[in-house]
Amino acid sequence: ALSGNHEVMNVQLDFRYVTPGSNTPWVDEAGRKKAFGPGGDYAKILAERPIFVKVGDTVFVHGGILAKHVTYGLDKMNDEVRSWMLGEKSAPPKIVVAEDGPVWHRGYSQEPADCAALTEALDALGAKRLVVGHTVQEKGVTSACEDRVWRIDVGLAHYYGGPIQVLDIKGDAISIKK
């Protein structure tokens, strides 16, 4: 599991997308802040989730990766986010939480996808493809940029009622399992 914008937002104490039912009778907003704030019990659990992971020729991220993220350093971002969530740093790295940061970027999930930026980032990473979530795909799992980006957010949440689908990657063979 990776951390995305919602995990980062919780540790930032930004509860804009938290539903009232998420605060149980025994956990009020103050309790949620204590649990999710940097160094809190839940923040420590989230700190174990990276923002990126590369498996073989495939890079996984919640939103998207740009060449400037590669230049900054993916491992560096993972380490800095982890340190912040553990309460060792006072703020997350600005590059992560920026509008085009890896947990917020939507340039590959919407049409037309930014294939030039994707190619630049993947070439810098020495990767063949990127797998992203963050933006619900109404048609289920989709791809763009000659299958160099796979968009796997199918809207499983009750609110969206999306289909159950899985992206199956075995070497260069990619299929969608329903």
N, C-alpha and C. Protein backbone atom coordinates (compact mmCIF):
# COMPACT_ATOMS: atom_id res chain seq x y z
N ALA A 1 0.84 -1.19 0.00
CA ALA A 1 0.00 0.00 0.00
C ALA A 1 0.89 1.25 0.00
N LEU A 2 0.45 2.24 -0.75
CA LEU A 2 1.17 3.51 -0.84
C LEU A 2 0.41 4.60 -0.12
N SER A 3 1.10 5.63 0.29
CA SER A 3 0.43 6.81 0.80
C SER A 3 0.10 7.72 -0.37
N GLY A 4 -1.08 8.31 -0.32
CA GLY A 4 -1.52 9.26 -1.33
C GLY A 4 -1.97 10.54 -0.67
N ASN A 5 -2.76 11.31 -1.39
CA ASN A 5 -3.16 12.62 -0.86
C ASN A 5 -3.98 12.52 0.42
N HIS A 6 -4.83 11.52 0.56
CA HIS A 6 -5.67 11.44 1.76
C HIS A 6 -4.85 11.10 3.00
N GLU A 7 -3.86 10.23 2.86
CA GLU A 7 -2.99 9.91 3.99
C GLU A 7 -2.18 11.15 4.39
N VAL A 8 -1.62 11.82 3.40
CA VAL A 8 -0.84 13.03 3.68
C VAL A 8 -1.72 14.10 4.31
N MET A 9 -2.93 14.27 3.78
CA MET A 9 -3.84 15.28 4.33
C MET A 9 -4.16 14.99 5.80
N ASN A 10 -4.41 13.74 6.14
CA ASN A 10 -4.70 13.41 7.54
C ASN A 10 -3.55 13.78 8.45
N VAL A 11 -2.32 13.49 8.03
CA VAL A 11 -1.17 13.83 8.87
C VAL A 11 -0.96 15.34 8.92
N GLN A 12 -1.38 16.05 7.87
CA GLN A 12 -1.35 17.52 7.88
C GLN A 12 -2.49 18.10 8.72
N LEU A 13 -3.33 17.25 9.24
CA LEU A 13 -4.53 17.63 10.01
C LEU A 13 -5.53 18.39 9.13
N ASP A 14 -5.55 18.05 7.88
CA ASP A 14 -6.49 18.60 6.91
C ASP A 14 -7.59 17.55 6.73
N PHE A 15 -8.70 17.77 7.38
CA PHE A 15 -9.78 16.78 7.43
C PHE A 15 -10.94 17.14 6.50
N ARG A 16 -10.66 17.89 5.43
CA ARG A 16 -11.72 18.29 4.51
C ARG A 16 -12.53 17.13 3.96
N TYR A 17 -11.88 16.00 3.74
CA TYR A 17 -12.57 14.87 3.12
C TYR A 17 -12.96 13.79 4.11
N VAL A 18 -12.88 14.09 5.39
CA VAL A 18 -13.27 13.13 6.42
C VAL A 18 -14.77 13.26 6.65
N THR A 19 -15.46 12.15 6.52
CA THR A 19 -16.91 12.17 6.73
C THR A 19 -17.23 12.17 8.22
N PRO A 20 -18.40 12.70 8.60
CA PRO A 20 -18.76 12.74 10.02
C PRO A 20 -18.71 11.35 10.68
N GLY A 21 -19.04 10.30 9.94
CA GLY A 21 -19.02 8.95 10.48
C GLY A 21 -17.62 8.45 10.81
N SER A 22 -16.61 9.13 10.30
CA SER A 22 -15.23 8.72 10.57
C SER A 22 -14.80 9.06 11.99
N ASN A 23 -15.45 10.03 12.58
CA ASN A 23 -15.18 10.36 13.99
C ASN A 23 -16.22 9.65 14.83
N THR A 24 -15.82 8.55 15.43
CA THR A 24 -16.73 7.74 16.25
C THR A 24 -17.02 8.47 17.56
N PRO A 25 -18.03 8.01 18.29
CA PRO A 25 -18.36 8.68 19.56
C PRO A 25 -17.19 8.75 20.54
N TRP A 26 -16.27 7.81 20.46
CA TRP A 26 -15.15 7.82 21.39
C TRP A 26 -13.90 8.51 20.82
N VAL A 27 -13.97 8.98 19.56
CA VAL A 27 -12.86 9.73 18.97
C VAL A 27 -13.42 11.02 18.37
N ASP A 28 -13.18 12.13 19.04
CA ASP A 28 -13.62 13.42 18.51
C ASP A 28 -12.49 14.00 17.65
N GLU A 29 -12.67 15.22 17.18
CA GLU A 29 -11.65 15.82 16.31
C GLU A 29 -10.31 15.96 17.02
N ALA A 30 -10.34 16.27 18.31
CA ALA A 30 -9.08 16.40 19.06
C ALA A 30 -8.35 15.06 19.11
N GLY A 31 -9.11 13.98 19.30
CA GLY A 31 -8.51 12.65 19.32
C GLY A 31 -7.95 12.27 17.96
N ARG A 32 -8.68 12.65 16.90
CA ARG A 32 -8.20 12.37 15.54
C ARG A 32 -6.90 13.13 15.28
N LYS A 33 -6.85 14.39 15.70
CA LYS A 33 -5.62 15.18 15.53
C LYS A 33 -4.45 14.54 16.26
N LYS A 34 -4.68 14.05 17.44
CA LYS A 34 -3.62 13.42 18.23
C LYS A 34 -3.14 12.14 17.54
N ALA A 35 -4.07 11.36 16.99
CA ALA A 35 -3.72 10.08 16.37
C ALA A 35 -3.03 10.25 15.02
N PHE A 36 -3.50 11.22 14.23
CA PHE A 36 -2.99 11.38 12.88
C PHE A 36 -1.89 12.43 12.75
N GLY A 37 -1.76 13.33 13.70
CA GLY A 37 -0.72 14.35 13.61
C GLY A 37 0.66 13.72 13.59
N PRO A 38 1.66 14.41 13.06
CA PRO A 38 3.01 13.86 13.00
C PRO A 38 3.44 13.29 14.35
N GLY A 39 3.90 12.04 14.32
CA GLY A 39 4.31 11.35 15.54
C GLY A 39 3.17 10.63 16.24
N GLY A 40 1.93 10.82 15.78
CA GLY A 40 0.78 10.14 16.38
C GLY A 40 0.74 8.66 15.99
N ASP A 41 -0.08 7.91 16.71
CA ASP A 41 -0.14 6.47 16.49
C ASP A 41 -0.46 6.10 15.04
N TYR A 42 -1.46 6.73 14.44
CA TYR A 42 -1.82 6.40 13.06
C TYR A 42 -0.82 6.98 12.07
N ALA A 43 -0.27 8.13 12.37
CA ALA A 43 0.76 8.70 11.50
C ALA A 43 1.97 7.78 11.43
N LYS A 44 2.30 7.15 12.54
CA LYS A 44 3.43 6.21 12.55
C LYS A 44 3.14 5.00 11.66
N ILE A 45 1.91 4.56 11.62
CA ILE A 45 1.54 3.45 10.73
C ILE A 45 1.65 3.90 9.28
N LEU A 46 1.12 5.09 8.99
CA LEU A 46 1.19 5.61 7.62
C LEU A 46 2.63 5.86 7.18
N ALA A 47 3.49 6.17 8.14
CA ALA A 47 4.90 6.44 7.82
C ALA A 47 5.58 5.23 7.19
N GLU A 48 5.03 4.06 7.41
CA GLU A 48 5.63 2.84 6.84
C GLU A 48 5.24 2.64 5.38
N ARG A 49 4.32 3.44 4.88
CA ARG A 49 3.90 3.35 3.48
C ARG A 49 4.69 4.35 2.65
N PRO A 50 5.36 3.88 1.61
CA PRO A 50 6.07 4.83 0.76
C PRO A 50 5.11 5.61 -0.13
N ILE A 51 5.61 6.63 -0.77
CA ILE A 51 4.83 7.39 -1.76
C ILE A 51 5.00 6.75 -3.13
N PHE A 52 6.17 6.19 -3.36
CA PHE A 52 6.49 5.53 -4.64
C PHE A 52 7.05 4.16 -4.35
N VAL A 53 6.91 3.29 -5.33
CA VAL A 53 7.65 2.03 -5.30
C VAL A 53 7.89 1.61 -6.75
N LYS A 54 9.07 1.08 -7.00
CA LYS A 54 9.40 0.57 -8.33
C LYS A 54 9.58 -0.93 -8.20
N VAL A 55 8.84 -1.66 -9.02
CA VAL A 55 8.92 -3.11 -9.05
C VAL A 55 9.25 -3.49 -10.49
N GLY A 56 10.44 -3.99 -10.70
CA GLY A 56 10.87 -4.30 -12.07
C GLY A 56 10.87 -3.05 -12.91
N ASP A 57 10.13 -3.10 -14.02
CA ASP A 57 10.05 -1.96 -14.95
C ASP A 57 8.86 -1.04 -14.68
N THR A 58 8.17 -1.28 -13.58
CA THR A 58 6.93 -0.55 -13.29
C THR A 58 7.09 0.30 -12.04
N VAL A 59 6.65 1.57 -12.13
CA VAL A 59 6.65 2.47 -10.98
C VAL A 59 5.20 2.70 -10.57
N PHE A 60 4.94 2.60 -9.27
CA PHE A 60 3.61 2.82 -8.71
C PHE A 60 3.63 4.09 -7.89
N VAL A 61 2.61 4.93 -8.06
CA VAL A 61 2.48 6.17 -7.30
C VAL A 61 1.00 6.53 -7.28
N HIS A 62 0.57 7.27 -6.29
CA HIS A 62 -0.84 7.63 -6.20
C HIS A 62 -1.27 8.56 -7.32
N GLY A 63 -0.56 9.68 -7.49
CA GLY A 63 -0.96 10.69 -8.47
C GLY A 63 -0.16 10.62 -9.75
N GLY A 64 1.11 10.95 -9.69
CA GLY A 64 1.95 10.94 -10.89
C GLY A 64 3.35 11.40 -10.58
N ILE A 65 4.27 11.07 -11.46
CA ILE A 65 5.67 11.45 -11.31
C ILE A 65 6.06 12.32 -12.49
N LEU A 66 6.73 13.41 -12.18
CA LEU A 66 7.29 14.29 -13.20
C LEU A 66 8.81 14.18 -13.14
N ALA A 67 9.47 14.64 -14.19
CA ALA A 67 10.93 14.61 -14.23
C ALA A 67 11.54 15.34 -13.03
N LYS A 68 10.91 16.45 -12.60
CA LYS A 68 11.47 17.19 -11.46
C LYS A 68 11.41 16.36 -10.17
N HIS A 69 10.46 15.44 -10.07
CA HIS A 69 10.40 14.55 -8.90
C HIS A 69 11.58 13.57 -8.94
N VAL A 70 11.88 13.09 -10.13
CA VAL A 70 13.01 12.17 -10.29
C VAL A 70 14.31 12.89 -9.95
N THR A 71 14.45 14.12 -10.42
CA THR A 71 15.65 14.91 -10.12
C THR A 71 15.79 15.14 -8.62
N TYR A 72 14.69 15.45 -7.95
CA TYR A 72 14.70 15.67 -6.50
C TYR A 72 15.11 14.38 -5.78
N GLY A 73 14.59 13.27 -6.28
CA GLY A 73 14.91 11.96 -5.70
C GLY A 73 13.69 11.30 -5.09
N LEU A 74 13.27 10.19 -5.67
CA LEU A 74 12.10 9.48 -5.15
C LEU A 74 12.38 8.89 -3.77
N ASP A 75 13.56 8.31 -3.58
CA ASP A 75 13.90 7.78 -2.26
C ASP A 75 13.98 8.90 -1.24
N LYS A 76 14.51 10.04 -1.66
CA LYS A 76 14.61 11.20 -0.76
C LYS A 76 13.21 11.64 -0.32
N MET A 77 12.27 11.69 -1.29
CA MET A 77 10.89 12.06 -0.93
C MET A 77 10.28 11.05 0.02
N ASN A 78 10.46 9.76 -0.26
CA ASN A 78 9.94 8.73 0.63
C ASN A 78 10.50 8.90 2.04
N ASP A 79 11.82 9.12 2.14
CA ASP A 79 12.46 9.29 3.45
C ASP A 79 11.97 10.53 4.17
N GLU A 80 11.82 11.64 3.45
CA GLU A 80 11.37 12.89 4.08
C GLU A 80 9.92 12.81 4.54
N VAL A 81 9.07 12.17 3.75
CA VAL A 81 7.67 12.01 4.16
C VAL A 81 7.61 11.12 5.40
N ARG A 82 8.37 10.05 5.38
CA ARG A 82 8.40 9.14 6.53
C ARG A 82 8.86 9.87 7.79
N SER A 83 9.95 10.63 7.69
CA SER A 83 10.46 11.37 8.85
C SER A 83 9.43 12.37 9.37
N TRP A 84 8.74 13.03 8.45
CA TRP A 84 7.71 13.99 8.86
C TRP A 84 6.56 13.28 9.57
N MET A 85 6.09 12.18 9.00
CA MET A 85 4.98 11.46 9.63
C MET A 85 5.35 10.91 11.00
N LEU A 86 6.62 10.54 11.17
CA LEU A 86 7.09 10.05 12.47
C LEU A 86 7.27 11.18 13.48
N GLY A 87 7.15 12.42 13.03
CA GLY A 87 7.30 13.56 13.94
C GLY A 87 8.72 14.06 14.05
N GLU A 88 9.60 13.60 13.16
CA GLU A 88 11.00 14.00 13.20
C GLU A 88 11.27 15.29 12.42
N LYS A 89 10.37 15.67 11.56
CA LYS A 89 10.47 16.91 10.77
C LYS A 89 9.18 17.68 10.98
N SER A 90 9.24 18.99 10.83
CA SER A 90 8.07 19.82 11.12
C SER A 90 7.07 19.91 9.98
N ALA A 91 7.48 19.57 8.75
CA ALA A 91 6.56 19.71 7.61
C ALA A 91 6.94 18.70 6.53
N PRO A 92 5.96 18.36 5.70
CA PRO A 92 6.28 17.48 4.58
C PRO A 92 7.07 18.24 3.53
N PRO A 93 7.78 17.55 2.66
CA PRO A 93 8.50 18.25 1.60
C PRO A 93 7.51 18.97 0.68
N LYS A 94 7.81 20.22 0.38
CA LYS A 94 6.90 21.02 -0.45
C LYS A 94 6.66 20.39 -1.81
N ILE A 95 7.65 19.73 -2.37
CA ILE A 95 7.51 19.12 -3.69
C ILE A 95 6.45 18.00 -3.66
N VAL A 96 6.26 17.37 -2.53
CA VAL A 96 5.28 16.28 -2.42
C VAL A 96 3.87 16.83 -2.34
N VAL A 97 3.66 17.90 -1.60
CA VAL A 97 2.31 18.41 -1.37
C VAL A 97 1.90 19.52 -2.34
N ALA A 98 2.78 19.84 -3.27
CA ALA A 98 2.45 20.85 -4.29
C ALA A 98 1.31 20.33 -5.16
N GLU A 99 0.65 21.25 -5.85
CA GLU A 99 -0.48 20.88 -6.73
C GLU A 99 -0.08 19.84 -7.76
N ASP A 100 1.17 19.89 -8.22
CA ASP A 100 1.65 18.89 -9.18
C ASP A 100 2.56 17.87 -8.50
N GLY A 101 2.45 17.78 -7.19
CA GLY A 101 3.23 16.80 -6.44
C GLY A 101 2.76 15.38 -6.72
N PRO A 102 3.54 14.40 -6.35
CA PRO A 102 3.23 13.02 -6.68
C PRO A 102 1.95 12.48 -6.07
N VAL A 103 1.45 13.09 -5.01
CA VAL A 103 0.19 12.61 -4.44
C VAL A 103 -1.02 13.37 -5.00
N TRP A 104 -0.78 14.45 -5.74
CA TRP A 104 -1.87 15.26 -6.29
C TRP A 104 -1.94 15.30 -7.82
N HIS A 105 -0.86 15.02 -8.50
CA HIS A 105 -0.76 15.15 -9.95
C HIS A 105 -1.86 14.34 -10.66
N ARG A 106 -2.49 14.95 -11.66
CA ARG A 106 -3.52 14.26 -12.44
C ARG A 106 -3.23 14.28 -13.94
N GLY A 107 -2.04 14.71 -14.32
CA GLY A 107 -1.71 14.89 -15.73
C GLY A 107 -1.74 13.63 -16.58
N TYR A 108 -1.69 12.47 -15.94
CA TYR A 108 -1.72 11.22 -16.70
C TYR A 108 -3.06 10.52 -16.58
N SER A 109 -3.92 11.03 -15.73
CA SER A 109 -5.19 10.36 -15.46
C SER A 109 -6.37 10.98 -16.18
N GLN A 110 -6.14 12.11 -16.80
CA GLN A 110 -7.21 12.80 -17.53
C GLN A 110 -6.85 12.84 -19.00
N GLU A 111 -7.85 13.05 -19.83
CA GLU A 111 -7.62 13.13 -21.27
C GLU A 111 -7.54 14.58 -21.72
N PRO A 112 -6.61 14.93 -22.56
CA PRO A 112 -5.54 14.06 -23.02
C PRO A 112 -4.45 13.95 -21.97
N ALA A 113 -3.88 12.76 -21.85
CA ALA A 113 -2.78 12.56 -20.91
C ALA A 113 -1.54 13.27 -21.42
N ASP A 114 -0.72 13.74 -20.50
CA ASP A 114 0.51 14.45 -20.85
C ASP A 114 1.61 13.42 -21.13
N CYS A 115 1.58 12.84 -22.32
CA CYS A 115 2.50 11.77 -22.70
C CYS A 115 3.95 12.23 -22.77
N ALA A 116 4.19 13.47 -23.15
CA ALA A 116 5.56 13.98 -23.22
C ALA A 116 6.18 14.02 -21.83
N ALA A 117 5.44 14.52 -20.85
CA ALA A 117 5.95 14.57 -19.47
C ALA A 117 6.14 13.16 -18.92
N LEU A 118 5.23 12.26 -19.25
CA LEU A 118 5.34 10.87 -18.80
C LEU A 118 6.60 10.23 -19.36
N THR A 119 6.83 10.39 -20.64
CA THR A 119 8.02 9.81 -21.29
C THR A 119 9.29 10.35 -20.64
N GLU A 120 9.33 11.64 -20.39
CA GLU A 120 10.50 12.25 -19.75
C GLU A 120 10.76 11.63 -18.37
N ALA A 121 9.70 11.48 -17.58
CA ALA A 121 9.84 10.92 -16.23
C ALA A 121 10.24 9.45 -16.28
N LEU A 122 9.57 8.67 -17.13
CA LEU A 122 9.90 7.25 -17.21
C LEU A 122 11.30 7.02 -17.73
N ASP A 123 11.72 7.80 -18.72
CA ASP A 123 13.09 7.68 -19.22
C ASP A 123 14.11 7.98 -18.12
N ALA A 124 13.84 9.00 -17.32
CA ALA A 124 14.73 9.35 -16.22
C ALA A 124 14.79 8.25 -15.16
N LEU A 125 13.69 7.51 -15.02
CA LEU A 125 13.62 6.42 -14.05
C LEU A 125 14.12 5.09 -14.60
N GLY A 126 14.28 5.00 -15.92
CA GLY A 126 14.62 3.72 -16.52
C GLY A 126 13.48 2.73 -16.37
N ALA A 127 12.25 3.22 -16.48
CA ALA A 127 11.06 2.38 -16.30
C ALA A 127 10.25 2.33 -17.59
N LYS A 128 9.44 1.29 -17.73
CA LYS A 128 8.59 1.13 -18.91
C LYS A 128 7.20 1.72 -18.72
N ARG A 129 6.74 1.70 -17.47
CA ARG A 129 5.36 2.12 -17.25
C ARG A 129 5.16 2.69 -15.85
N LEU A 130 4.07 3.42 -15.72
CA LEU A 130 3.66 4.02 -14.45
C LEU A 130 2.24 3.56 -14.17
N VAL A 131 1.97 3.21 -12.92
CA VAL A 131 0.63 2.84 -12.50
C VAL A 131 0.18 3.87 -11.47
N VAL A 132 -0.98 4.49 -11.73
CA VAL A 132 -1.48 5.57 -10.87
C VAL A 132 -2.91 5.30 -10.41
N GLY A 133 -3.28 5.94 -9.34
CA GLY A 133 -4.66 5.93 -8.85
C GLY A 133 -5.18 7.35 -8.89
N HIS A 134 -5.74 7.82 -7.79
CA HIS A 134 -6.11 9.22 -7.53
C HIS A 134 -7.30 9.75 -8.31
N THR A 135 -7.49 9.33 -9.55
CA THR A 135 -8.58 9.88 -10.36
C THR A 135 -9.44 8.73 -10.86
N VAL A 136 -10.69 8.69 -10.42
CA VAL A 136 -11.59 7.60 -10.79
C VAL A 136 -11.77 7.55 -12.31
N GLN A 137 -11.62 6.36 -12.84
CA GLN A 137 -11.83 6.10 -14.26
C GLN A 137 -13.21 5.48 -14.42
N GLU A 138 -14.11 6.17 -15.05
CA GLU A 138 -15.50 5.70 -15.16
C GLU A 138 -15.63 4.41 -15.95
N LYS A 139 -14.68 4.12 -16.82
CA LYS A 139 -14.74 2.91 -17.65
C LYS A 139 -13.94 1.76 -17.04
N GLY A 140 -13.51 1.89 -15.80
CA GLY A 140 -12.66 0.88 -15.19
C GLY A 140 -11.20 1.19 -15.48
N VAL A 141 -10.33 0.19 -15.31
CA VAL A 141 -8.91 0.38 -15.54
C VAL A 141 -8.70 0.82 -16.99
N THR A 142 -7.91 1.88 -17.16
CA THR A 142 -7.62 2.39 -18.51
C THR A 142 -6.12 2.62 -18.64
N SER A 143 -5.69 2.80 -19.87
CA SER A 143 -4.29 3.13 -20.12
C SER A 143 -4.24 4.29 -21.10
N ALA A 144 -3.07 4.88 -21.20
CA ALA A 144 -2.83 5.97 -22.15
C ALA A 144 -1.36 5.95 -22.52
N CYS A 145 -1.02 6.80 -23.46
CA CYS A 145 0.38 6.98 -23.86
C CYS A 145 1.00 5.65 -24.28
N GLU A 146 0.28 4.94 -25.16
CA GLU A 146 0.74 3.64 -25.67
C GLU A 146 1.03 2.66 -24.54
N ASP A 147 0.12 2.61 -23.58
CA ASP A 147 0.19 1.70 -22.43
C ASP A 147 1.38 1.97 -21.51
N ARG A 148 1.89 3.21 -21.53
CA ARG A 148 2.99 3.55 -20.62
C ARG A 148 2.46 4.04 -19.28
N VAL A 149 1.18 4.41 -19.21
CA VAL A 149 0.55 4.74 -17.93
C VAL A 149 -0.74 3.93 -17.82
N TRP A 150 -0.92 3.34 -16.65
CA TRP A 150 -2.13 2.58 -16.34
C TRP A 150 -2.82 3.26 -15.19
N ARG A 151 -4.13 3.51 -15.36
CA ARG A 151 -4.93 4.25 -14.37
C ARG A 151 -5.88 3.25 -13.73
N ILE A 152 -5.63 2.95 -12.45
CA ILE A 152 -6.32 1.83 -11.81
C ILE A 152 -7.39 2.22 -10.79
N ASP A 153 -7.66 3.50 -10.62
CA ASP A 153 -8.71 3.90 -9.68
C ASP A 153 -10.06 3.65 -10.36
N VAL A 154 -10.70 2.56 -9.98
CA VAL A 154 -11.97 2.19 -10.61
C VAL A 154 -13.18 2.64 -9.79
N GLY A 155 -12.95 3.38 -8.73
CA GLY A 155 -14.06 3.89 -7.93
C GLY A 155 -14.73 2.81 -7.10
N LEU A 156 -13.95 2.04 -6.36
CA LEU A 156 -14.51 0.97 -5.54
C LEU A 156 -15.34 1.47 -4.37
N ALA A 157 -15.10 2.69 -3.93
CA ALA A 157 -15.85 3.23 -2.80
C ALA A 157 -17.34 3.20 -3.10
N HIS A 158 -18.14 2.98 -2.09
CA HIS A 158 -19.60 2.91 -2.24
C HIS A 158 -20.13 4.14 -2.99
N TYR A 159 -19.55 5.29 -2.73
CA TYR A 159 -19.98 6.54 -3.37
C TYR A 159 -19.95 6.43 -4.89
N TYR A 160 -18.91 5.78 -5.43
CA TYR A 160 -18.74 5.68 -6.88
C TYR A 160 -19.37 4.42 -7.47
N GLY A 161 -19.35 3.33 -6.70
CA GLY A 161 -19.94 2.09 -7.18
C GLY A 161 -19.24 1.48 -8.37
N GLY A 162 -17.94 1.67 -8.47
CA GLY A 162 -17.18 1.18 -9.61
C GLY A 162 -17.03 -0.33 -9.64
N PRO A 163 -16.52 -0.84 -10.76
CA PRO A 163 -16.35 -2.29 -10.92
C PRO A 163 -15.14 -2.80 -10.13
N ILE A 164 -15.13 -4.08 -9.88
CA ILE A 164 -13.97 -4.71 -9.26
C ILE A 164 -13.06 -5.16 -10.39
N GLN A 165 -11.89 -4.56 -10.47
CA GLN A 165 -10.91 -4.90 -11.50
C GLN A 165 -9.51 -4.84 -10.90
N VAL A 166 -8.64 -5.64 -11.48
CA VAL A 166 -7.25 -5.70 -11.04
C VAL A 166 -6.35 -5.64 -12.27
N LEU A 167 -5.29 -4.87 -12.18
CA LEU A 167 -4.28 -4.82 -13.23
C LEU A 167 -3.27 -5.91 -12.92
N ASP A 168 -3.10 -6.84 -13.84
CA ASP A 168 -2.19 -7.97 -13.66
C ASP A 168 -0.97 -7.75 -14.56
N ILE A 169 0.21 -7.59 -13.94
CA ILE A 169 1.45 -7.35 -14.67
C ILE A 169 2.37 -8.53 -14.44
N LYS A 170 2.71 -9.21 -15.52
CA LYS A 170 3.66 -10.33 -15.46
C LYS A 170 4.69 -10.08 -16.55
N GLY A 171 5.82 -9.50 -16.15
CA GLY A 171 6.83 -9.12 -17.13
C GLY A 171 6.26 -8.03 -18.03
N ASP A 172 6.26 -8.27 -19.32
CA ASP A 172 5.68 -7.31 -20.26
C ASP A 172 4.22 -7.61 -20.58
N ALA A 173 3.69 -8.69 -20.05
CA ALA A 173 2.29 -9.05 -20.29
C ALA A 173 1.41 -8.35 -19.26
N ILE A 174 0.47 -7.56 -19.76
CA ILE A 174 -0.42 -6.81 -18.87
C ILE A 174 -1.85 -7.16 -19.25
N SER A 175 -2.65 -7.45 -18.22
CA SER A 175 -4.07 -7.74 -18.48
C SER A 175 -4.91 -7.15 -17.35
N ILE A 176 -6.18 -7.00 -17.63
CA ILE A 176 -7.13 -6.50 -16.64
C ILE A 176 -8.01 -7.66 -16.24
N LYS A 177 -8.00 -8.00 -14.98
CA LYS A 177 -8.81 -9.12 -14.45
C LYS A 177 -10.09 -8.54 -13.86
N LYS A 178 -11.20 -9.17 -14.18
CA LYS A 178 -12.48 -8.73 -13.64
C LYS A 178 -13.03 -9.78 -12.70
